[in-house]
Amino acid sequence: MVVYYEIAGKKIGSHVLSMATLGTIFTGSFLATRGGGAQKKEQGPPINASSKEEGDFITEFLKTADSGDKKAQH
């Protein structure tokens, strides 16, 4: 048994309205939960080193410190 509703001058069946509602809900929930694109890594303050070797040392130290934090969290 189908009930017809008049929307914008057209008769639309209740089954069509229910399919449109379910499709909208499923599509919206899929788009909301699929995750974003690649997130940008937070960039820290600039490294003010007096020489290139000091800058390389600080960069390597920060990389090892970040990997150590990840190991501790897991």
PDB file of N, CA and C in Angstrom:
ATOM      1  N   MET A   1       0.841  -1.155   0.000  1.00  0.00           N
ATOM      2  CA  MET A   1       0.000   0.000   0.000  1.00  0.00           C
ATOM      3  C   MET A   1       0.898   1.234   0.000  1.00  0.00           C
ATOM      4  N   VAL A   2       0.654   2.103  -0.923  1.00  0.00           N
ATOM      5  CA  VAL A   2       1.486   3.280  -1.106  1.00  0.00           C
ATOM      6  C   VAL A   2       0.645   4.517  -0.852  1.00  0.00           C
ATOM      7  N   VAL A   3       1.228   5.424  -0.112  1.00  0.00           N
ATOM      8  CA  VAL A   3       0.595   6.716   0.103  1.00  0.00           C
ATOM      9  C   VAL A   3       1.336   7.716  -0.774  1.00  0.00           C
ATOM     10  N   TYR A   4       0.563   8.530  -1.498  1.00  0.00           N
ATOM     11  CA  TYR A   4       1.169   9.524  -2.365  1.00  0.00           C
ATOM     12  C   TYR A   4       1.094  10.897  -1.708  1.00  0.00           C
ATOM     13  N   TYR A   5       2.217  11.618  -1.738  1.00  0.00           N
ATOM     14  CA  TYR A   5       2.284  12.975  -1.220  1.00  0.00           C
ATOM     15  C   TYR A   5       2.507  13.909  -2.387  1.00  0.00           C
ATOM     16  N   GLU A   6       1.906  15.074  -2.304  1.00  0.00           N
ATOM     17  CA  GLU A   6       2.094  16.054  -3.358  1.00  0.00           C
ATOM     18  C   GLU A   6       3.181  17.033  -2.913  1.00  0.00           C
ATOM     19  N   ILE A   7       4.315  16.961  -3.587  1.00  0.00           N
ATOM     20  CA  ILE A   7       5.466  17.815  -3.271  1.00  0.00           C
ATOM     21  C   ILE A   7       5.848  18.571  -4.529  1.00  0.00           C
ATOM     22  N   ALA A   8       5.846  19.882  -4.432  1.00  0.00           N
ATOM     23  CA  ALA A   8       6.178  20.774  -5.551  1.00  0.00           C
ATOM     24  C   ALA A   8       5.314  20.466  -6.765  1.00  0.00           C
ATOM     25  N   GLY A   9       4.064  20.156  -6.541  1.00  0.00           N
ATOM     26  CA  GLY A   9       3.129  19.937  -7.637  1.00  0.00           C
ATOM     27  C   GLY A   9       3.187  18.549  -8.244  1.00  0.00           C
ATOM     28  N   LYS A  10       4.005  17.643  -7.700  1.00  0.00           N
ATOM     29  CA  LYS A  10       4.098  16.284  -8.233  1.00  0.00           C
ATOM     30  C   LYS A  10       3.687  15.296  -7.165  1.00  0.00           C
ATOM     31  N   LYS A  11       3.091  14.211  -7.585  1.00  0.00           N
ATOM     32  CA  LYS A  11       2.744  13.148  -6.643  1.00  0.00           C
ATOM     33  C   LYS A  11       3.937  12.210  -6.504  1.00  0.00           C
ATOM     34  N   ILE A  12       4.385  12.043  -5.271  1.00  0.00           N
ATOM     35  CA  ILE A  12       5.551  11.203  -5.006  1.00  0.00           C
ATOM     36  C   ILE A  12       5.134  10.151  -3.995  1.00  0.00           C
ATOM     37  N   GLY A  13       5.466   8.892  -4.271  1.00  0.00           N
ATOM     38  CA  GLY A  13       5.091   7.796  -3.397  1.00  0.00           C
ATOM     39  C   GLY A  13       5.928   7.763  -2.128  1.00  0.00           C
ATOM     40  N   SER A  14       5.336   7.177  -1.084  1.00  0.00           N
ATOM     41  CA  SER A  14       6.030   7.107   0.199  1.00  0.00           C
ATOM     42  C   SER A  14       7.283   6.247   0.105  1.00  0.00           C
ATOM     43  N   HIS A  15       7.266   5.235  -0.746  1.00  0.00           N
ATOM     44  CA  HIS A  15       8.450   4.385  -0.886  1.00  0.00           C
ATOM     45  C   HIS A  15       9.612   5.152  -1.510  1.00  0.00           C
ATOM     46  N   VAL A  16       9.321   6.077  -2.407  1.00  0.00           N
ATOM     47  CA  VAL A  16      10.368   6.892  -3.017  1.00  0.00           C
ATOM     48  C   VAL A  16      10.947   7.850  -1.980  1.00  0.00           C
ATOM     49  N   LEU A  17      10.101   8.428  -1.150  1.00  0.00           N
ATOM     50  CA  LEU A  17      10.578   9.322  -0.097  1.00  0.00           C
ATOM     51  C   LEU A  17      11.442   8.568   0.906  1.00  0.00           C
ATOM     52  N   SER A  18      11.061   7.346   1.253  1.00  0.00           N
ATOM     53  CA  SER A  18      11.857   6.584   2.217  1.00  0.00           C
ATOM     54  C   SER A  18      13.212   6.198   1.615  1.00  0.00           C
ATOM     55  N   MET A  19      13.237   5.825   0.341  1.00  0.00           N
ATOM     56  CA  MET A  19      14.516   5.495  -0.293  1.00  0.00           C
ATOM     57  C   MET A  19      15.422   6.723  -0.368  1.00  0.00           C
ATOM     58  N   ALA A  20      14.858   7.888  -0.664  1.00  0.00           N
ATOM     59  CA  ALA A  20      15.653   9.115  -0.734  1.00  0.00           C
ATOM     60  C   ALA A  20      16.202   9.473   0.653  1.00  0.00           C
ATOM     61  N   THR A  21      15.380   9.285   1.692  1.00  0.00           N
ATOM     62  CA  THR A  21      15.827   9.581   3.049  1.00  0.00           C
ATOM     63  C   THR A  21      16.958   8.650   3.461  1.00  0.00           C
ATOM     64  N   LEU A  22      16.792   7.361   3.225  1.00  0.00           N
ATOM     65  CA  LEU A  22      17.847   6.403   3.581  1.00  0.00           C
ATOM     66  C   LEU A  22      19.125   6.655   2.786  1.00  0.00           C
ATOM     67  N   GLY A  23      18.980   6.948   1.505  1.00  0.00           N
ATOM     68  CA  GLY A  23      20.153   7.243   0.684  1.00  0.00           C
ATOM     69  C   GLY A  23      20.898   8.467   1.170  1.00  0.00           C
ATOM     70  N   THR A  24      20.156   9.491   1.578  1.00  0.00           N
ATOM     71  CA  THR A  24      20.783  10.706   2.090  1.00  0.00           C
ATOM     72  C   THR A  24      21.507  10.437   3.401  1.00  0.00           C
ATOM     73  N   ILE A  25      20.883   9.661   4.274  1.00  0.00           N
ATOM     74  CA  ILE A  25      21.510   9.356   5.567  1.00  0.00           C
ATOM     75  C   ILE A  25      22.777   8.535   5.376  1.00  0.00           C
ATOM     76  N   PHE A  26      22.719   7.492   4.556  1.00  0.00           N
ATOM     77  CA  PHE A  26      23.890   6.645   4.347  1.00  0.00           C
ATOM     78  C   PHE A  26      25.015   7.402   3.637  1.00  0.00           C
ATOM     79  N   THR A  27      24.671   8.202   2.653  1.00  0.00           N
ATOM     80  CA  THR A  27      25.695   8.971   1.946  1.00  0.00           C
ATOM     81  C   THR A  27      26.336   9.999   2.877  1.00  0.00           C
ATOM     82  N   GLY A  28      25.517  10.682   3.653  1.00  0.00           N
ATOM     83  CA  GLY A  28      26.046  11.681   4.584  1.00  0.00           C
ATOM     84  C   GLY A  28      26.940  11.068   5.643  1.00  0.00           C
ATOM     85  N   SER A  29      26.531   9.907   6.183  1.00  0.00           N
ATOM     86  CA  SER A  29      27.364   9.267   7.206  1.00  0.00           C
ATOM     87  C   SER A  29      28.657   8.730   6.605  1.00  0.00           C
ATOM     88  N   PHE A  30      28.601   8.235   5.382  1.00  0.00           N
ATOM     89  CA  PHE A  30      29.827   7.766   4.729  1.00  0.00           C
ATOM     90  C   PHE A  30      30.807   8.911   4.523  1.00  0.00           C
ATOM     91  N   LEU A  31      30.307  10.034   4.028  1.00  0.00           N
ATOM     92  CA  LEU A  31      31.182  11.171   3.778  1.00  0.00           C
ATOM     93  C   LEU A  31      31.728  11.760   5.073  1.00  0.00           C
ATOM     94  N   ALA A  32      30.947  11.686   6.141  1.00  0.00           N
ATOM     95  CA  ALA A  32      31.388  12.254   7.407  1.00  0.00           C
ATOM     96  C   ALA A  32      32.424  11.383   8.105  1.00  0.00           C
ATOM     97  N   THR A  33      32.417  10.074   7.861  1.00  0.00           N
ATOM     98  CA  THR A  33      33.310   9.176   8.592  1.00  0.00           C
ATOM     99  C   THR A  33      34.444   8.606   7.756  1.00  0.00           C
ATOM    100  N   ARG A  34      34.583   8.992   6.524  1.00  0.00           N
ATOM    101  CA  ARG A  34      35.626   8.384   5.686  1.00  0.00           C
ATOM    102  C   ARG A  34      37.004   8.935   5.963  1.00  0.00           C
ATOM    103  N   GLY A  35      37.107  10.000   6.722  1.00  0.00           N
ATOM    104  CA  GLY A  35      38.423  10.550   7.044  1.00  0.00           C
ATOM    105  C   GLY A  35      38.808  11.636   6.073  1.00  0.00           C
ATOM    106  N   GLY A  36      39.725  12.450   6.506  1.00  0.00           N
ATOM    107  CA  GLY A  36      40.177  13.558   5.679  1.00  0.00           C
ATOM    108  C   GLY A  36      41.360  13.170   4.832  1.00  0.00           C
ATOM    109  N   GLY A  37      41.848  14.121   4.117  1.00  0.00           N
ATOM    110  CA  GLY A  37      43.052  13.899   3.321  1.00  0.00           C
ATOM    111  C   GLY A  37      44.267  13.856   4.220  1.00  0.00           C
ATOM    112  N   ALA A  38      45.397  13.876   3.606  1.00  0.00           N
ATOM    113  CA  ALA A  38      46.632  13.855   4.379  1.00  0.00           C
ATOM    114  C   ALA A  38      46.721  15.127   5.209  1.00  0.00           C
ATOM    115  N   GLN A  39      46.898  14.949   6.492  1.00  0.00           N
ATOM    116  CA  GLN A  39      46.982  16.104   7.364  1.00  0.00           C
ATOM    117  C   GLN A  39      48.408  16.625   7.369  1.00  0.00           C
ATOM    118  N   LYS A  40      48.492  17.917   7.433  1.00  0.00           N
ATOM    119  CA  LYS A  40      49.815  18.525   7.437  1.00  0.00           C
ATOM    120  C   LYS A  40      50.450  18.323   8.807  1.00  0.00           C
ATOM    121  N   LYS A  41      51.722  17.982   8.783  1.00  0.00           N
ATOM    122  CA  LYS A  41      52.455  17.813  10.026  1.00  0.00           C
ATOM    123  C   LYS A  41      52.763  19.191  10.583  1.00  0.00           C
ATOM    124  N   GLU A  42      52.581  19.339  11.879  1.00  0.00           N
ATOM    125  CA  GLU A  42      52.846  20.627  12.493  1.00  0.00           C
ATOM    126  C   GLU A  42      54.333  20.937  12.399  1.00  0.00           C
ATOM    127  N   GLN A  43      54.587  22.131  11.957  1.00  0.00           N
ATOM    128  CA  GLN A  43      55.974  22.550  11.833  1.00  0.00           C
ATOM    129  C   GLN A  43      56.333  23.392  13.047  1.00  0.00           C
ATOM    130  N   GLY A  44      57.416  23.061  13.651  1.00  0.00           N
ATOM    131  CA  GLY A  44      57.851  23.767  14.845  1.00  0.00           C
ATOM    132  C   GLY A  44      58.523  25.083  14.495  1.00  0.00           C
ATOM    133  N   PRO A  45      59.059  25.726  15.477  1.00  0.00           N
ATOM    134  CA  PRO A  45      59.748  26.996  15.228  1.00  0.00           C
ATOM    135  C   PRO A  45      61.013  26.762  14.402  1.00  0.00           C
ATOM    136  N   PRO A  46      61.484  27.777  13.732  1.00  0.00           N
ATOM    137  CA  PRO A  46      62.692  27.608  12.908  1.00  0.00           C
ATOM    138  C   PRO A  46      63.917  27.322  13.786  1.00  0.00           C
ATOM    139  N   ILE A  47      64.844  26.557  13.212  1.00  0.00           N
ATOM    140  CA  ILE A  47      66.075  26.206  13.926  1.00  0.00           C
ATOM    141  C   ILE A  47      67.120  27.280  13.618  1.00  0.00           C
ATOM    142  N   ASN A  48      67.544  27.968  14.658  1.00  0.00           N
ATOM    143  CA  ASN A  48      68.557  29.015  14.493  1.00  0.00           C
ATOM    144  C   ASN A  48      69.913  28.461  14.914  1.00  0.00           C
ATOM    145  N   ALA A  49      70.547  27.751  13.995  1.00  0.00           N
ATOM    146  CA  ALA A  49      71.849  27.158  14.295  1.00  0.00           C
ATOM    147  C   ALA A  49      72.948  28.059  13.744  1.00  0.00           C
ATOM    148  N   SER A  50      74.093  28.020  14.430  1.00  0.00           N
ATOM    149  CA  SER A  50      75.210  28.857  13.983  1.00  0.00           C
ATOM    150  C   SER A  50      75.965  28.221  12.817  1.00  0.00           C
ATOM    151  N   SER A  51      75.813  26.898  12.620  1.00  0.00           N
ATOM    152  CA  SER A  51      76.478  26.250  11.493  1.00  0.00           C
ATOM    153  C   SER A  51      75.555  25.175  10.921  1.00  0.00           C
ATOM    154  N   LYS A  52      75.886  24.700   9.734  1.00  0.00           N
ATOM    155  CA  LYS A  52      75.074  23.669   9.087  1.00  0.00           C
ATOM    156  C   LYS A  52      75.126  22.368   9.876  1.00  0.00           C
ATOM    157  N   GLU A  53      76.288  22.022  10.430  1.00  0.00           N
ATOM    158  CA  GLU A  53      76.409  20.782  11.196  1.00  0.00           C
ATOM    159  C   GLU A  53      75.531  20.820  12.448  1.00  0.00           C
ATOM    160  N   GLU A  54      75.476  21.960  13.093  1.00  0.00           N
ATOM    161  CA  GLU A  54      74.628  22.089  14.274  1.00  0.00           C
ATOM    162  C   GLU A  54      73.152  21.947  13.881  1.00  0.00           C
ATOM    163  N   GLY A  55      72.777  22.532  12.755  1.00  0.00           N
ATOM    164  CA  GLY A  55      71.403  22.407  12.274  1.00  0.00           C
ATOM    165  C   GLY A  55      71.047  20.966  11.941  1.00  0.00           C
ATOM    166  N   ASP A  56      71.977  20.245  11.307  1.00  0.00           N
ATOM    167  CA  ASP A  56      71.756  18.824  10.999  1.00  0.00           C
ATOM    168  C   ASP A  56      71.631  18.001  12.281  1.00  0.00           C
ATOM    169  N   PHE A  57      72.466  18.313  13.268  1.00  0.00           N
ATOM    170  CA  PHE A  57      72.420  17.594  14.540  1.00  0.00           C
ATOM    171  C   PHE A  57      71.066  17.804  15.226  1.00  0.00           C
ATOM    172  N   ILE A  58      70.594  19.028  15.250  1.00  0.00           N
ATOM    173  CA  ILE A  58      69.312  19.322  15.890  1.00  0.00           C
ATOM    174  C   ILE A  58      68.168  18.621  15.145  1.00  0.00           C
ATOM    175  N   THR A  59      68.206  18.645  13.834  1.00  0.00           N
ATOM    176  CA  THR A  59      67.170  17.991  13.031  1.00  0.00           C
ATOM    177  C   THR A  59      67.146  16.496  13.302  1.00  0.00           C
ATOM    178  N   GLU A  60      68.309  15.848  13.300  1.00  0.00           N
ATOM    179  CA  GLU A  60      68.376  14.414  13.582  1.00  0.00           C
ATOM    180  C   GLU A  60      67.907  14.095  14.999  1.00  0.00           C
ATOM    181  N   PHE A  61      68.274  14.948  15.951  1.00  0.00           N
ATOM    182  CA  PHE A  61      67.843  14.745  17.329  1.00  0.00           C
ATOM    183  C   PHE A  61      66.326  14.818  17.440  1.00  0.00           C
ATOM    184  N   LEU A  62      65.724  15.779  16.770  1.00  0.00           N
ATOM    185  CA  LEU A  62      64.268  15.908  16.816  1.00  0.00           C
ATOM    186  C   LEU A  62      63.578  14.712  16.174  1.00  0.00           C
ATOM    187  N   LYS A  63      64.154  14.164  15.097  1.00  0.00           N
ATOM    188  CA  LYS A  63      63.577  12.971  14.460  1.00  0.00           C
ATOM    189  C   LYS A  63      63.629  11.774  15.404  1.00  0.00           C
ATOM    190  N   THR A  64      64.752  11.583  16.076  1.00  0.00           N
ATOM    191  CA  THR A  64      64.860  10.454  16.994  1.00  0.00           C
ATOM    192  C   THR A  64      63.985  10.659  18.214  1.00  0.00           C
ATOM    193  N   ALA A  65      63.821  11.896  18.665  1.00  0.00           N
ATOM    194  CA  ALA A  65      62.957  12.167  19.813  1.00  0.00           C
ATOM    195  C   ALA A  65      61.504  11.892  19.456  1.00  0.00           C
ATOM    196  N   ASP A  66      61.086  12.257  18.232  1.00  0.00           N
ATOM    197  CA  ASP A  66      59.704  11.988  17.803  1.00  0.00           C
ATOM    198  C   ASP A  66      59.449  10.510  17.671  1.00  0.00           C
ATOM    199  N   SER A  67      60.406   9.739  17.152  1.00  0.00           N
ATOM    200  CA  SER A  67      60.197   8.292  17.010  1.00  0.00           C
ATOM    201  C   SER A  67      60.185   7.620  18.365  1.00  0.00           C
ATOM    202  N   GLY A  68      60.939   8.135  19.330  1.00  0.00           N
ATOM    203  CA  GLY A  68      60.932   7.583  20.677  1.00  0.00           C
ATOM    204  C   GLY A  68      59.583   7.800  21.357  1.00  0.00           C
ATOM    205  N   ASP A  69      58.941   8.938  21.125  1.00  0.00           N
ATOM    206  CA  ASP A  69      57.622   9.203  21.687  1.00  0.00           C
ATOM    207  C   ASP A  69      56.590   8.247  21.103  1.00  0.00           C
ATOM    208  N   LYS A  70      56.692   7.959  19.823  1.00  0.00           N
ATOM    209  CA  LYS A  70      55.743   7.045  19.188  1.00  0.00           C
ATOM    210  C   LYS A  70      55.881   5.627  19.749  1.00  0.00           C
ATOM    211  N   LYS A  71      57.123   5.205  20.004  1.00  0.00           N
ATOM    212  CA  LYS A  71      57.353   3.880  20.557  1.00  0.00           C
ATOM    213  C   LYS A  71      56.784   3.794  21.979  1.00  0.00           C
ATOM    214  N   ALA A  72      56.901   4.865  22.736  1.00  0.00           N
ATOM    215  CA  ALA A  72      56.418   4.868  24.110  1.00  0.00           C
ATOM    216  C   ALA A  72      54.897   4.847  24.162  1.00  0.00           C
ATOM    217  N   GLN A  73      54.252   5.436  23.177  1.00  0.00           N
ATOM    218  CA  GLN A  73      52.796   5.484  23.156  1.00  0.00           C
ATOM    219  C   GLN A  73      52.201   4.127  22.805  1.00  0.00           C
ATOM    220  N   HIS A  74      52.879   3.329  22.017  1.00  0.00           N
ATOM    221  CA  HIS A  74      52.321   2.047  21.567  1.00  0.00           C
ATOM    222  C   HIS A  74      52.695   0.985  22.494  1.00  0.00           C
TER     223      HIS A  74
END
